[in-house]
Amino acid sequence: MFCARCGTEHPETANFCMNCGTPFRGAGAPVFSRRPQWEYRDLVIPLEASARVFMDFPEEARQRFQEVVQEHIARVAGEGWEADGPTDFDTLKAAGQIEEVRHRRFGHLTVYGSVTVRLRRPLEA
């Protein structure tokens, strides 16, 4: 069987997905037994942006963040990849997809090191 959330294949006796943790048994458990329609991968985008910039200039920083993310997604779009969900700063930060690095040298400055965006593309039949 395949996980409905991430498409990972598992034996029929599995109770949950070993990749994303989605339960296979119980109320509302999304499971399907046919081949998944999508292929997934993560795209890690380097940022090296100070968290202070996002506090001092929130609109400009979020706009530039979106531009950088869209540039990287556009590079892989030719291979059929597309974002598998929202790609805005606030959603990705809330989901823990933005890596935060603390630098003691600069007064405990927090830097956003990278962002991970989940991509998908249709599988060929």
C-alpha atoms as a PDB file:
ATOM      1  CA  MET A   1       0.000   0.000   0.000  1.00  0.00           C
ATOM      2  CA  PHE A   2       1.038   3.619  -0.496  1.00  0.00           C
ATOM      3  CA  CYS A   3       0.757   6.566   1.893  1.00  0.00           C
ATOM      4  CA  ALA A   4      -1.871   9.040   0.672  1.00  0.00           C
ATOM      5  CA  ARG A   5       0.136  11.971   2.034  1.00  0.00           C
ATOM      6  CA  CYS A   6       3.665  11.362   0.758  1.00  0.00           C
ATOM      7  CA  GLY A   7       3.337   8.377  -1.595  1.00  0.00           C
ATOM      8  CA  THR A   8       5.826   6.129   0.228  1.00  0.00           C
ATOM      9  CA  GLU A   9       5.228   2.406  -0.333  1.00  0.00           C
ATOM     10  CA  HIS A  10       4.681   0.161   2.732  1.00  0.00           C
ATOM     11  CA  PRO A  11       3.705  -3.455   3.414  1.00  0.00           C
ATOM     12  CA  GLU A  12      -0.019  -4.131   3.877  1.00  0.00           C
ATOM     13  CA  THR A  13       0.561  -4.742   7.613  1.00  0.00           C
ATOM     14  CA  ALA A  14       1.947  -1.241   8.294  1.00  0.00           C
ATOM     15  CA  ASN A  15       0.034   0.909  10.792  1.00  0.00           C
ATOM     16  CA  PHE A  16       1.623   4.252   9.901  1.00  0.00           C
ATOM     17  CA  CYS A  17       3.895   5.799   7.296  1.00  0.00           C
ATOM     18  CA  MET A  18       7.566   5.500   8.183  1.00  0.00           C
ATOM     19  CA  ASN A  19       8.296   8.656   6.166  1.00  0.00           C
ATOM     20  CA  CYS A  20       5.682  11.192   7.318  1.00  0.00           C
ATOM     21  CA  GLY A  21       3.888   9.454  10.228  1.00  0.00           C
ATOM     22  CA  THR A  22       0.406   9.381   8.675  1.00  0.00           C
ATOM     23  CA  PRO A  23      -1.695   6.642  10.339  1.00  0.00           C
ATOM     24  CA  PHE A  24      -3.016   3.871   8.068  1.00  0.00           C
ATOM     25  CA  ARG A  25      -5.578   2.376  10.434  1.00  0.00           C
ATOM     26  CA  GLY A  26      -8.431   3.997  12.344  1.00  0.00           C
ATOM     27  CA  ALA A  27     -10.925   6.743  11.699  1.00  0.00           C
ATOM     28  CA  GLY A  28     -10.071   9.038   8.837  1.00  0.00           C
ATOM     29  CA  ALA A  29      -6.821   7.282   7.939  1.00  0.00           C
ATOM     30  CA  PRO A  30      -6.024   8.170   4.309  1.00  0.00           C
ATOM     31  CA  VAL A  31      -4.760   5.020   2.577  1.00  0.00           C
ATOM     32  CA  PHE A  32      -4.859   3.873  -1.011  1.00  0.00           C
ATOM     33  CA  SER A  33      -3.664   0.646  -2.572  1.00  0.00           C
ATOM     34  CA  ARG A  34      -2.852   1.881  -6.060  1.00  0.00           C
ATOM     35  CA  ARG A  35       0.305   3.555  -7.316  1.00  0.00           C
ATOM     36  CA  PRO A  36       0.610   7.210  -6.246  1.00  0.00           C
ATOM     37  CA  GLN A  37       0.127   9.886  -8.868  1.00  0.00           C
ATOM     38  CA  TRP A  38       2.861  12.182  -7.575  1.00  0.00           C
ATOM     39  CA  GLU A  39       6.580  12.046  -6.957  1.00  0.00           C
ATOM     40  CA  TYR A  40       7.922  14.234  -4.138  1.00  0.00           C
ATOM     41  CA  ARG A  41      11.236  15.826  -3.250  1.00  0.00           C
ATOM     42  CA  ASP A  42      12.548  18.589  -1.017  1.00  0.00           C
ATOM     43  CA  LEU A  43      14.247  21.675  -2.412  1.00  0.00           C
ATOM     44  CA  VAL A  44      16.657  23.343   0.037  1.00  0.00           C
ATOM     45  CA  ILE A  45      17.174  27.020  -0.754  1.00  0.00           C
ATOM     46  CA  PRO A  46      20.050  28.912   0.921  1.00  0.00           C
ATOM     47  CA  LEU A  47      19.003  32.219   2.499  1.00  0.00           C
ATOM     48  CA  GLU A  48      21.572  33.652   4.934  1.00  0.00           C
ATOM     49  CA  ALA A  49      19.105  36.388   5.917  1.00  0.00           C
ATOM     50  CA  SER A  50      19.093  38.132   9.279  1.00  0.00           C
ATOM     51  CA  ALA A  51      15.921  37.664  11.310  1.00  0.00           C
ATOM     52  CA  ARG A  52      16.293  41.315  12.300  1.00  0.00           C
ATOM     53  CA  VAL A  53      15.561  42.371   8.700  1.00  0.00           C
ATOM     54  CA  PHE A  54      12.246  40.492   8.881  1.00  0.00           C
ATOM     55  CA  MET A  55      11.372  42.414  12.059  1.00  0.00           C
ATOM     56  CA  ASP A  56      12.523  45.843  10.873  1.00  0.00           C
ATOM     57  CA  PHE A  57      11.287  45.604   7.264  1.00  0.00           C
ATOM     58  CA  PRO A  58       8.610  42.885   7.294  1.00  0.00           C
ATOM     59  CA  GLU A  59       6.909  43.591   3.958  1.00  0.00           C
ATOM     60  CA  GLU A  60      10.109  44.104   1.981  1.00  0.00           C
ATOM     61  CA  ALA A  61      11.805  41.069   3.540  1.00  0.00           C
ATOM     62  CA  ARG A  62       8.826  38.802   2.875  1.00  0.00           C
ATOM     63  CA  GLN A  63       8.562  40.053  -0.700  1.00  0.00           C
ATOM     64  CA  ARG A  64      12.268  39.355  -1.341  1.00  0.00           C
ATOM     65  CA  PHE A  65      11.916  35.950   0.356  1.00  0.00           C
ATOM     66  CA  GLN A  66       9.050  35.082  -2.001  1.00  0.00           C
ATOM     67  CA  GLU A  67      11.090  36.218  -5.017  1.00  0.00           C
ATOM     68  CA  VAL A  68      14.040  33.997  -4.022  1.00  0.00           C
ATOM     69  CA  VAL A  69      11.804  30.969  -3.436  1.00  0.00           C
ATOM     70  CA  GLN A  70       9.979  31.464  -6.753  1.00  0.00           C
ATOM     71  CA  GLU A  71      13.306  31.828  -8.627  1.00  0.00           C
ATOM     72  CA  HIS A  72      14.460  28.449  -7.297  1.00  0.00           C
ATOM     73  CA  ILE A  73      11.126  26.762  -8.050  1.00  0.00           C
ATOM     74  CA  ALA A  74      11.208  28.202 -11.588  1.00  0.00           C
ATOM     75  CA  ARG A  75      14.621  26.551 -12.125  1.00  0.00           C
ATOM     76  CA  VAL A  76      13.179  23.067 -11.527  1.00  0.00           C
ATOM     77  CA  ALA A  77       9.797  23.736 -13.164  1.00  0.00           C
ATOM     78  CA  GLY A  78      11.233  22.673 -16.515  1.00  0.00           C
ATOM     79  CA  GLU A  79      11.582  19.166 -15.065  1.00  0.00           C
ATOM     80  CA  GLY A  80       7.892  19.187 -14.086  1.00  0.00           C
ATOM     81  CA  TRP A  81       8.302  20.122 -10.403  1.00  0.00           C
ATOM     82  CA  GLU A  82       5.869  22.438  -8.611  1.00  0.00           C
ATOM     83  CA  ALA A  83       5.411  23.515  -5.001  1.00  0.00           C
ATOM     84  CA  ASP A  84       3.331  21.086  -2.948  1.00  0.00           C
ATOM     85  CA  GLY A  85       1.789  23.794  -0.811  1.00  0.00           C
ATOM     86  CA  PRO A  86       2.116  27.419   0.217  1.00  0.00           C
ATOM     87  CA  THR A  87       5.570  28.946  -0.169  1.00  0.00           C
ATOM     88  CA  ASP A  88       5.147  32.154   1.821  1.00  0.00           C
ATOM     89  CA  PHE A  89       7.502  32.977   4.695  1.00  0.00           C
ATOM     90  CA  ASP A  90       4.966  32.764   7.530  1.00  0.00           C
ATOM     91  CA  THR A  91       3.589  29.361   6.493  1.00  0.00           C
ATOM     92  CA  LEU A  92       7.037  27.824   5.994  1.00  0.00           C
ATOM     93  CA  LYS A  93       8.319  29.272   9.283  1.00  0.00           C
ATOM     94  CA  ALA A  94       5.299  27.930  11.188  1.00  0.00           C
ATOM     95  CA  ALA A  95       5.887  24.496   9.616  1.00  0.00           C
ATOM     96  CA  GLY A  96       9.524  24.498  10.766  1.00  0.00           C
ATOM     97  CA  GLN A  97      10.824  24.559   7.194  1.00  0.00           C
ATOM     98  CA  ILE A  98      13.130  27.542   7.794  1.00  0.00           C
ATOM     99  CA  GLU A  99      16.462  26.738   9.419  1.00  0.00           C
ATOM    100  CA  GLU A 100      17.423  29.238  12.110  1.00  0.00           C
ATOM    101  CA  VAL A 101      21.067  29.663  13.108  1.00  0.00           C
ATOM    102  CA  ARG A 102      22.092  31.693  16.160  1.00  0.00           C
ATOM    103  CA  HIS A 103      25.389  33.561  16.012  1.00  0.00           C
ATOM    104  CA  ARG A 104      26.855  34.430  19.416  1.00  0.00           C
ATOM    105  CA  ARG A 105      29.584  36.514  17.883  1.00  0.00           C
ATOM    106  CA  PHE A 106      27.095  39.185  16.812  1.00  0.00           C
ATOM    107  CA  GLY A 107      25.086  39.468  20.007  1.00  0.00           C
ATOM    108  CA  HIS A 108      23.024  36.321  19.558  1.00  0.00           C
ATOM    109  CA  LEU A 109      21.884  37.362  16.100  1.00  0.00           C
ATOM    110  CA  THR A 110      19.483  34.896  14.499  1.00  0.00           C
ATOM    111  CA  VAL A 111      20.060  34.148  10.823  1.00  0.00           C
ATOM    112  CA  TYR A 112      17.693  32.220   8.571  1.00  0.00           C
ATOM    113  CA  GLY A 113      20.152  29.820   6.955  1.00  0.00           C
ATOM    114  CA  SER A 114      17.903  28.010   4.497  1.00  0.00           C
ATOM    115  CA  VAL A 115      14.328  27.105   3.654  1.00  0.00           C
ATOM    116  CA  THR A 116      13.074  23.688   2.590  1.00  0.00           C
ATOM    117  CA  VAL A 117      10.209  23.649   0.094  1.00  0.00           C
ATOM    118  CA  ARG A 118       8.352  20.415  -0.669  1.00  0.00           C
ATOM    119  CA  LEU A 119       7.983  19.825  -4.413  1.00  0.00           C
ATOM    120  CA  ARG A 120       5.878  17.400  -6.416  1.00  0.00           C
ATOM    121  CA  ARG A 121       5.503  16.309 -10.025  1.00  0.00           C
ATOM    122  CA  PRO A 122       3.173  13.883 -11.741  1.00  0.00           C
ATOM    123  CA  LEU A 123       4.430  10.366 -12.251  1.00  0.00           C
ATOM    124  CA  GLU A 124       4.425   9.066 -15.795  1.00  0.00           C
ATOM    125  CA  ALA A 125       2.027   6.185 -16.380  1.00  0.00           C
END
